[in-house]
N, C-alpha and C. Protein backbone atom coordinates (compact mmCIF):
# COMPACT_ATOMS: atom_id res chain seq x y z
N MET A 1 5.19 15.71 24.87
CA MET A 1 5.81 16.63 24.13
C MET A 1 4.92 17.13 22.93
N ARG A 2 4.79 18.20 22.79
CA ARG A 2 3.83 18.68 21.79
C ARG A 2 4.37 18.85 20.48
N ARG A 3 3.34 18.73 19.41
CA ARG A 3 4.00 18.36 17.87
C ARG A 3 3.58 19.51 17.52
N MET A 4 3.93 20.48 16.60
CA MET A 4 3.88 21.59 16.05
C MET A 4 2.85 21.32 14.23
N ALA A 5 2.02 21.84 14.45
CA ALA A 5 1.61 21.61 13.05
C ALA A 5 1.84 22.03 11.98
N THR A 6 1.93 21.21 10.64
CA THR A 6 2.95 21.49 9.68
C THR A 6 1.79 21.96 8.67
N ALA A 7 2.27 22.95 7.57
CA ALA A 7 1.65 23.42 6.54
C ALA A 7 1.50 21.91 5.60
N PRO A 8 0.36 21.93 5.26
CA PRO A 8 -0.44 20.89 4.07
C PRO A 8 0.88 20.90 2.99
N LYS A 9 1.49 19.70 2.82
CA LYS A 9 2.25 19.69 1.34
C LYS A 9 1.95 19.76 -0.17
N ALA A 10 2.51 20.14 -0.62
CA ALA A 10 1.74 20.47 -2.43
C ALA A 10 2.58 19.34 -3.09
N LEU A 11 1.91 18.56 -3.87
CA LEU A 11 2.78 17.67 -4.71
C LEU A 11 1.97 17.80 -5.77
N PRO A 12 2.78 17.43 -7.15
CA PRO A 12 2.40 17.90 -8.52
C PRO A 12 1.44 16.69 -9.12
N ALA A 13 0.36 17.45 -9.16
CA ALA A 13 -0.80 16.41 -10.25
C ALA A 13 -0.46 16.95 -11.68
N ILE A 14 -0.08 15.69 -12.32
CA ILE A 14 0.29 15.71 -13.67
C ILE A 14 -0.73 14.95 -14.35
N ASP A 15 -1.72 16.31 -15.41
CA ASP A 15 -3.00 15.94 -16.10
C ASP A 15 -2.09 15.24 -17.47
N LEU A 16 -2.11 14.00 -17.41
CA LEU A 16 -2.05 13.03 -18.62
C LEU A 16 -2.59 13.13 -19.81
N ALA A 17 -3.78 13.92 -20.12
CA ALA A 17 -4.10 14.71 -21.33
C ALA A 17 -3.30 15.38 -21.91
N ARG A 18 -2.63 16.53 -20.87
CA ARG A 18 -1.96 17.60 -21.58
C ARG A 18 -0.28 17.50 -21.67
N CYS A 19 -0.01 16.01 -20.64
CA CYS A 19 1.35 15.52 -20.69
C CYS A 19 1.61 15.28 -22.13
N THR A 20 2.91 15.85 -22.74
CA THR A 20 3.35 15.19 -24.04
C THR A 20 4.81 14.31 -23.72
N GLY A 21 5.13 14.22 -23.02
CA GLY A 21 6.47 13.58 -22.42
C GLY A 21 7.40 14.16 -22.49
N CYS A 22 7.35 15.45 -22.42
CA CYS A 22 8.92 16.03 -23.40
C CYS A 22 10.19 16.18 -22.02
N GLY A 23 9.77 15.71 -20.78
CA GLY A 23 10.90 15.62 -20.17
C GLY A 23 11.55 16.64 -19.26
N TRP A 24 10.83 18.01 -19.72
CA TRP A 24 11.61 19.02 -19.14
C TRP A 24 11.08 19.02 -17.55
N CYS A 25 9.79 18.52 -17.39
CA CYS A 25 9.93 18.81 -15.66
C CYS A 25 10.59 17.96 -15.19
N VAL A 26 11.19 16.12 -15.65
CA VAL A 26 11.77 15.65 -15.15
C VAL A 26 13.53 16.25 -15.16
N ALA A 27 13.48 17.19 -16.06
CA ALA A 27 14.91 17.42 -15.86
C ALA A 27 15.25 18.91 -14.70
N ALA A 28 13.89 19.60 -14.48
CA ALA A 28 13.99 20.27 -13.64
C ALA A 28 13.84 20.19 -11.88
N CYS A 29 13.67 18.79 -11.69
CA CYS A 29 12.95 18.57 -10.49
C CYS A 29 14.40 17.82 -9.90
N PRO A 30 14.49 18.88 -8.70
CA PRO A 30 15.69 18.71 -8.10
C PRO A 30 16.24 17.95 -7.18
N PRO A 31 14.95 17.13 -6.71
CA PRO A 31 14.75 15.85 -5.85
C PRO A 31 14.77 14.65 -6.74
N HIS A 32 14.56 14.62 -7.91
CA HIS A 32 14.61 13.64 -8.93
C HIS A 32 13.49 12.63 -8.37
N VAL A 33 12.43 13.33 -8.18
CA VAL A 33 10.85 12.13 -7.60
C VAL A 33 10.30 12.16 -9.14
N LEU A 34 10.67 12.43 -10.11
CA LEU A 34 9.51 12.69 -11.68
C LEU A 34 10.27 11.78 -12.58
N SER A 35 9.57 11.32 -13.15
CA SER A 35 10.10 10.27 -14.39
C SER A 35 9.21 10.07 -15.55
N LEU A 36 9.73 9.39 -16.42
CA LEU A 36 9.14 9.39 -17.37
C LEU A 36 8.41 7.69 -17.59
N ALA A 37 7.08 7.62 -18.55
CA ALA A 37 6.94 6.40 -18.05
C ALA A 37 5.80 6.23 -19.57
N VAL A 38 5.94 5.11 -20.31
CA VAL A 38 5.29 4.83 -21.20
C VAL A 38 3.92 3.75 -20.90
N GLU A 39 2.79 4.32 -21.10
CA GLU A 39 1.89 3.64 -20.65
C GLU A 39 0.82 3.91 -22.17
N ASN A 40 0.38 2.50 -22.58
CA ASN A 40 -0.61 2.47 -23.67
C ASN A 40 0.17 3.13 -25.20
N TRP A 41 1.00 3.14 -25.39
CA TRP A 41 2.18 3.71 -26.48
C TRP A 41 2.21 5.43 -26.00
N LYS A 42 2.33 6.06 -25.34
CA LYS A 42 2.47 7.00 -25.07
C LYS A 42 2.78 7.63 -23.84
N LYS A 43 3.87 8.39 -24.07
CA LYS A 43 5.03 8.46 -23.06
C LYS A 43 4.49 10.01 -22.22
N SER A 44 4.55 9.79 -20.70
CA SER A 44 4.30 10.73 -20.16
C SER A 44 5.04 11.13 -18.58
N ALA A 45 4.87 12.02 -17.74
CA ALA A 45 5.79 12.30 -16.26
C ALA A 45 4.81 11.54 -16.03
N HIS A 46 5.66 11.07 -14.86
CA HIS A 46 4.73 10.08 -13.44
C HIS A 46 5.62 10.57 -12.24
N LEU A 47 5.02 10.98 -11.08
CA LEU A 47 5.61 11.34 -9.72
C LEU A 47 5.64 9.61 -9.15
N HIS A 48 7.06 9.25 -9.37
CA HIS A 48 7.11 8.42 -8.72
C HIS A 48 7.97 7.98 -7.25
N ASP A 49 8.16 8.83 -6.17
CA ASP A 49 8.39 9.21 -5.10
C ASP A 49 7.90 10.17 -4.88
N ALA A 50 6.70 10.06 -3.52
CA ALA A 50 5.92 11.18 -3.30
C ALA A 50 6.35 11.92 -1.89
N PRO A 51 6.60 10.88 -1.20
CA PRO A 51 7.49 11.36 0.10
C PRO A 51 8.64 11.87 -0.30
N GLY A 52 9.64 11.95 -1.21
CA GLY A 52 10.47 12.42 -1.25
C GLY A 52 10.56 13.93 -1.81
N CYS A 53 9.18 14.30 -2.65
CA CYS A 53 9.12 15.68 -3.32
C CYS A 53 9.15 16.79 -2.35
N THR A 54 9.74 17.70 -2.45
CA THR A 54 9.86 18.86 -1.80
C THR A 54 8.54 19.94 -1.82
N GLY A 55 7.54 20.02 -2.95
CA GLY A 55 7.17 20.78 -3.24
C GLY A 55 7.20 22.29 -3.95
N CYS A 56 8.81 22.00 -4.47
CA CYS A 56 9.16 23.19 -4.82
C CYS A 56 8.61 23.88 -5.95
N ALA A 57 7.74 23.02 -6.46
CA ALA A 57 6.45 23.49 -7.73
C ALA A 57 7.60 23.58 -9.36
N LYS A 58 8.98 23.63 -8.99
CA LYS A 58 10.01 23.44 -10.57
C LYS A 58 9.61 23.16 -11.64
N CYS A 59 8.84 21.57 -11.63
CA CYS A 59 8.42 20.91 -12.50
C CYS A 59 7.16 21.95 -12.93
N ALA A 60 6.12 22.23 -12.50
CA ALA A 60 5.03 23.21 -12.70
C ALA A 60 5.86 24.02 -13.47
N LEU A 61 6.59 24.86 -13.11
CA LEU A 61 7.12 26.04 -13.12
C LEU A 61 7.43 25.87 -14.64
N LYS A 62 8.50 24.68 -15.05
CA LYS A 62 9.34 24.55 -16.30
C LYS A 62 8.19 24.08 -17.33
N CYS A 63 7.02 23.21 -17.16
CA CYS A 63 6.12 22.18 -18.04
C CYS A 63 5.70 23.60 -19.17
N PRO A 64 6.36 23.44 -20.45
CA PRO A 64 5.67 24.38 -21.45
C PRO A 64 3.93 23.98 -22.14
N PHE A 65 3.37 22.97 -21.37
CA PHE A 65 2.09 22.78 -21.68
C PHE A 65 1.21 22.82 -20.62
N ASP A 66 1.46 23.47 -19.59
CA ASP A 66 0.63 23.93 -18.09
C ASP A 66 -0.27 22.40 -17.91
N ALA A 67 0.82 21.07 -17.95
CA ALA A 67 0.15 19.92 -17.53
C ALA A 67 0.01 19.59 -15.84
N ILE A 68 1.02 20.37 -15.22
CA ILE A 68 1.15 20.14 -14.05
C ILE A 68 0.82 21.29 -12.88
N ALA A 69 0.12 20.61 -12.17
CA ALA A 69 -0.59 21.88 -11.13
C ALA A 69 -0.17 21.28 -9.48
N MET A 70 0.06 22.18 -9.09
CA MET A 70 0.31 21.65 -7.35
C MET A 70 -0.73 21.50 -6.59
N ARG A 71 -0.86 20.49 -6.07
CA ARG A 71 -2.12 20.13 -5.21
C ARG A 71 -1.48 19.91 -3.50
N ARG A 72 -2.06 20.45 -2.67
CA ARG A 72 -2.28 20.39 -1.34
C ARG A 72 -2.87 19.11 -0.88
N ILE A 73 -1.80 18.54 -0.09
CA ILE A 73 -2.53 17.33 0.63
C ILE A 73 -2.33 17.49 1.94
N PRO A 74 -3.26 16.96 3.07
CA PRO A 74 -2.99 17.23 4.41
C PRO A 74 -1.98 16.08 4.60
N ASP A 75 -0.96 16.44 5.82
CA ASP A 75 0.00 15.72 6.68
C ASP A 75 -0.47 15.15 7.40
N PRO A 76 -0.79 13.93 7.72
CA PRO A 76 -1.53 13.23 8.95
C PRO A 76 -0.57 13.23 10.04
N ALA A 77 0.89 13.46 9.78
CA ALA A 77 1.64 13.37 11.20
C ALA A 77 1.01 14.79 12.10
N GLY A 78 0.73 15.70 10.85
CA GLY A 78 0.60 16.95 11.55
C GLY A 78 -0.93 17.67 12.14
N SER A 79 -2.12 16.38 11.55
CA SER A 79 -3.39 16.58 11.65
C SER A 79 -4.08 16.45 13.18
N ARG A 80 -2.87 16.38 13.98
CA ARG A 80 -3.52 15.60 15.49
C ARG A 80 -3.74 16.63 16.38
């Protein structure tokens, strides 16, 4: 059985220097794979479930600080 090559998936890459932890991206995420976390007394968004991310980019569009960029990652299953 031949496997069809799939397009690479895009995941949100969060710039922690720009992220203010406002939570707009978390609220906009349909599959709920983003969350807020506190590290070194600073709240910021984190992708806690990369396999569950659909790559819809709603988080990046909603971020008022341009702290999220969608980055394509290769799909290891489709790279044969």
